[in-house]
C-alpha atoms as a PDB file:
ATOM      1  CA  UNK A   1     111.466  86.857  81.947  1.00  0.00           C
ATOM      2  CA  UNK A   2     109.292  89.951  81.557  1.00  0.00           C
ATOM      3  CA  UNK A   3     110.705  93.128  83.044  1.00  0.00           C
ATOM      4  CA  UNK A   4     108.653  96.072  84.269  1.00  0.00           C
ATOM      5  CA  UNK A   5     110.059  99.386  85.453  1.00  0.00           C
ATOM      6  CA  UNK A   6     108.772 102.406  87.355  1.00  0.00           C
ATOM      7  CA  UNK A   7     110.474 105.777  86.959  1.00  0.00           C
ATOM      8  CA  UNK A   8     110.212 108.726  89.352  1.00  0.00           C
ATOM      9  CA  UNK A   9     111.372 112.233  88.553  1.00  0.00           C
ATOM     10  CA  UNK A  10     111.740 114.826  91.307  1.00  0.00           C
ATOM     11  CA  UNK A  11     112.210 118.524  90.483  1.00  0.00           C
ATOM     12  CA  UNK A  12     113.964 120.320  93.358  1.00  0.00           C
ATOM     13  CA  UNK A  13     114.252 123.991  94.186  1.00  0.00           C
ATOM     14  CA  UNK A  14     117.542 125.634  95.151  1.00  0.00           C
ATOM     15  CA  UNK A  15     117.125 124.379  98.755  1.00  0.00           C
ATOM     16  CA  UNK A  16     116.538 120.824  97.426  1.00  0.00           C
ATOM     17  CA  UNK A  17     112.854 120.874  98.395  1.00  0.00           C
ATOM     18  CA  UNK A  18     110.623 118.986  95.932  1.00  0.00           C
ATOM     19  CA  UNK A  19     108.621 121.288  93.665  1.00  0.00           C
ATOM     20  CA  UNK A  20     107.242 118.605  91.343  1.00  0.00           C
ATOM     21  CA  UNK A  21     107.009 114.829  91.381  1.00  0.00           C
ATOM     22  CA  UNK A  22     106.250 112.823  88.259  1.00  0.00           C
ATOM     23  CA  UNK A  23     106.256 109.127  87.479  1.00  0.00           C
ATOM     24  CA  UNK A  24     105.631 106.634  84.748  1.00  0.00           C
ATOM     25  CA  UNK A  25     105.562 102.857  84.507  1.00  0.00           C
ATOM     26  CA  UNK A  26     106.560 100.781  81.510  1.00  0.00           C
ATOM     27  CA  UNK A  27     103.431  98.613  81.865  1.00  0.00           C
ATOM     28  CA  UNK A  28     101.204 101.708  81.802  1.00  0.00           C
ATOM     29  CA  UNK A  29     102.472 103.191  78.542  1.00  0.00           C
ATOM     30  CA  UNK A  30     104.440 106.377  78.108  1.00  0.00           C
ATOM     31  CA  UNK A  31     102.021 108.702  79.915  1.00  0.00           C
ATOM     32  CA  UNK A  32     103.640 110.786  82.648  1.00  0.00           C
ATOM     33  CA  UNK A  33     101.640 111.110  85.871  1.00  0.00           C
ATOM     34  CA  UNK A  34     102.070 113.827  88.476  1.00  0.00           C
ATOM     35  CA  UNK A  35     101.911 113.487  92.256  1.00  0.00           C
ATOM     36  CA  UNK A  36     102.122 115.752  95.270  1.00  0.00           C
ATOM     37  CA  UNK A  37     103.658 113.062  97.492  1.00  0.00           C
ATOM     38  CA  UNK A  38     105.253 109.626  97.360  1.00  0.00           C
ATOM     39  CA  UNK A  39     105.896 107.082 100.072  1.00  0.00           C
ATOM     40  CA  UNK A  40     108.017 104.147  98.978  1.00  0.00           C
ATOM     41  CA  UNK A  41     108.883 101.300 101.320  1.00  0.00           C
ATOM     42  CA  UNK A  42     111.147  98.426 100.329  1.00  0.00           C
ATOM     43  CA  UNK A  43     112.072  95.340 102.308  1.00  0.00           C
ATOM     44  CA  UNK A  44     115.805  95.044 101.806  1.00  0.00           C
ATOM     45  CA  UNK A  45     116.551  91.337 101.638  1.00  0.00           C
ATOM     46  CA  UNK A  46     120.214  91.722 102.577  1.00  0.00           C
ATOM     47  CA  UNK A  47     119.572  94.000 105.572  1.00  0.00           C
ATOM     48  CA  UNK A  48     116.227  92.323 106.464  1.00  0.00           C
ATOM     49  CA  UNK A  49     114.767  95.744 107.125  1.00  0.00           C
ATOM     50  CA  UNK A  50     112.664  98.478 105.600  1.00  0.00           C
ATOM     51  CA  UNK A  51     114.188 101.177 103.430  1.00  0.00           C
ATOM     52  CA  UNK A  52     111.925 104.220 102.947  1.00  0.00           C
ATOM     53  CA  UNK A  53     111.618 107.267 100.750  1.00  0.00           C
ATOM     54  CA  UNK A  54     109.077 109.925 101.741  1.00  0.00           C
ATOM     55  CA  UNK A  55     108.809 113.031  99.574  1.00  0.00           C
ATOM     56  CA  UNK A  56     106.149 115.683  99.139  1.00  0.00           C
ATOM     57  CA  UNK A  57     105.945 118.889  97.156  1.00  0.00           C
ATOM     58  CA  UNK A  58     105.746 122.371  98.606  1.00  0.00           C
ATOM     59  CA  UNK A  59     102.127 122.653  97.488  1.00  0.00           C
ATOM     60  CA  UNK A  60     100.945 119.512  99.342  1.00  0.00           C
ATOM     61  CA  UNK A  61      98.345 120.778 101.839  1.00  0.00           C
ATOM     62  CA  UNK A  62      98.536 119.386 105.364  1.00  0.00           C
ATOM     63  CA  UNK A  63      95.001 117.966 105.255  1.00  0.00           C
ATOM     64  CA  UNK A  64      95.760 116.134 101.993  1.00  0.00           C
ATOM     65  CA  UNK A  65      98.961 114.752 103.573  1.00  0.00           C
ATOM     66  CA  UNK A  66      96.924 113.321 106.441  1.00  0.00           C
ATOM     67  CA  UNK A  67      94.424 111.718 104.036  1.00  0.00           C
ATOM     68  CA  UNK A  68      97.340 110.362 101.990  1.00  0.00           C
ATOM     69  CA  UNK A  69      98.724 108.525 105.015  1.00  0.00           C
ATOM     70  CA  UNK A  70      95.309 107.247 106.084  1.00  0.00           C
ATOM     71  CA  UNK A  71      94.765 105.910 102.542  1.00  0.00           C
ATOM     72  CA  UNK A  72      98.237 104.353 102.613  1.00  0.00           C
ATOM     73  CA  UNK A  73      97.519 102.523 105.860  1.00  0.00           C
ATOM     74  CA  UNK A  74      94.193 101.325 104.431  1.00  0.00           C
ATOM     75  CA  UNK A  75      95.908 100.000 101.323  1.00  0.00           C
ATOM     76  CA  UNK A  76      98.493  98.284 103.523  1.00  0.00           C
ATOM     77  CA  UNK A  77      95.656  96.634 105.467  1.00  0.00           C
ATOM     78  CA  UNK A  78      94.324  95.152 102.236  1.00  0.00           C
ATOM     79  CA  UNK A  79      97.820  94.063 101.214  1.00  0.00           C
ATOM     80  CA  UNK A  80      98.502  92.308 104.516  1.00  0.00           C
ATOM     81  CA  UNK A  81      95.139  90.538 104.296  1.00  0.00           C
ATOM     82  CA  UNK A  82      95.880  89.365 100.755  1.00  0.00           C
ATOM     83  CA  UNK A  83      99.510  88.409 101.389  1.00  0.00           C
ATOM     84  CA  UNK A  84      99.148  86.700 104.763  1.00  0.00           C
ATOM     85  CA  UNK A  85      95.424  86.095 105.402  1.00  0.00           C
ATOM     86  CA  UNK A  86      95.990  87.737 108.797  1.00  0.00           C
ATOM     87  CA  UNK A  87      92.500  89.159 109.313  1.00  0.00           C
ATOM     88  CA  UNK A  88      93.253  90.388 112.841  1.00  0.00           C
ATOM     89  CA  UNK A  89      96.156  92.544 111.717  1.00  0.00           C
ATOM     90  CA  UNK A  90      94.210  93.876 108.713  1.00  0.00           C
ATOM     91  CA  UNK A  91      91.183  94.698 110.877  1.00  0.00           C
ATOM     92  CA  UNK A  92      93.361  96.524 113.426  1.00  0.00           C
ATOM     93  CA  UNK A  93      94.907  98.597 110.647  1.00  0.00           C
ATOM     94  CA  UNK A  94      91.426  99.411 109.270  1.00  0.00           C
ATOM     95  CA  UNK A  95      90.280 100.385 112.761  1.00  0.00           C
ATOM     96  CA  UNK A  96      93.276 102.705 113.032  1.00  0.00           C
ATOM     97  CA  UNK A  97      92.218 104.308 109.729  1.00  0.00           C
ATOM     98  CA  UNK A  98      88.729 104.871 111.112  1.00  0.00           C
ATOM     99  CA  UNK A  99      90.164 106.460 114.278  1.00  0.00           C
ATOM    100  CA  UNK A 100      92.462 108.683 112.236  1.00  0.00           C
ATOM    101  CA  UNK A 101      89.615 109.745 109.939  1.00  0.00           C
ATOM    102  CA  UNK A 102      87.545 110.718 112.995  1.00  0.00           C
ATOM    103  CA  UNK A 103      90.497 112.729 114.303  1.00  0.00           C
ATOM    104  CA  UNK A 104      91.003 114.550 110.986  1.00  0.00           C
ATOM    105  CA  UNK A 105      87.284 115.283 110.632  1.00  0.00           C
ATOM    106  CA  UNK A 106      87.187 116.661 114.213  1.00  0.00           C
ATOM    107  CA  UNK A 107      90.163 118.899 113.418  1.00  0.00           C
ATOM    108  CA  UNK A 108      88.413 120.118 110.279  1.00  0.00           C
ATOM    109  CA  UNK A 109      85.228 120.949 112.233  1.00  0.00           C
ATOM    110  CA  UNK A 110      87.251 122.930 114.812  1.00  0.00           C
ATOM    111  CA  UNK A 111      89.034 124.872 112.070  1.00  0.00           C
ATOM    112  CA  UNK A 112      85.753 125.751 110.354  1.00  0.00           C
ATOM    113  CA  UNK A 113      84.156 127.125 113.541  1.00  0.00           C
END
């Protein structure tokens, strides 16, 4: 059986707030990648529930955080379509992304006026 691993490294300040997030994957070589935020969700088979880890660095701007979550929901929409062929659920998630993008763009316009 082939084994693949993903490693995350989180540098914390003295208050245990993330200052830097890096990751690498064995299938992607030894290159270390850097991130401003991570959102990991796992379906725990023993608990039959979702376990989550959400972390972001001090320098993650609020607008980028909003785009990060919109992108995450969009990627989840594609995943649910691929995994279950549930087009209705995927389309509703995509529609939510469109609504959220409109909201973020409206906020941006208000801030720039």
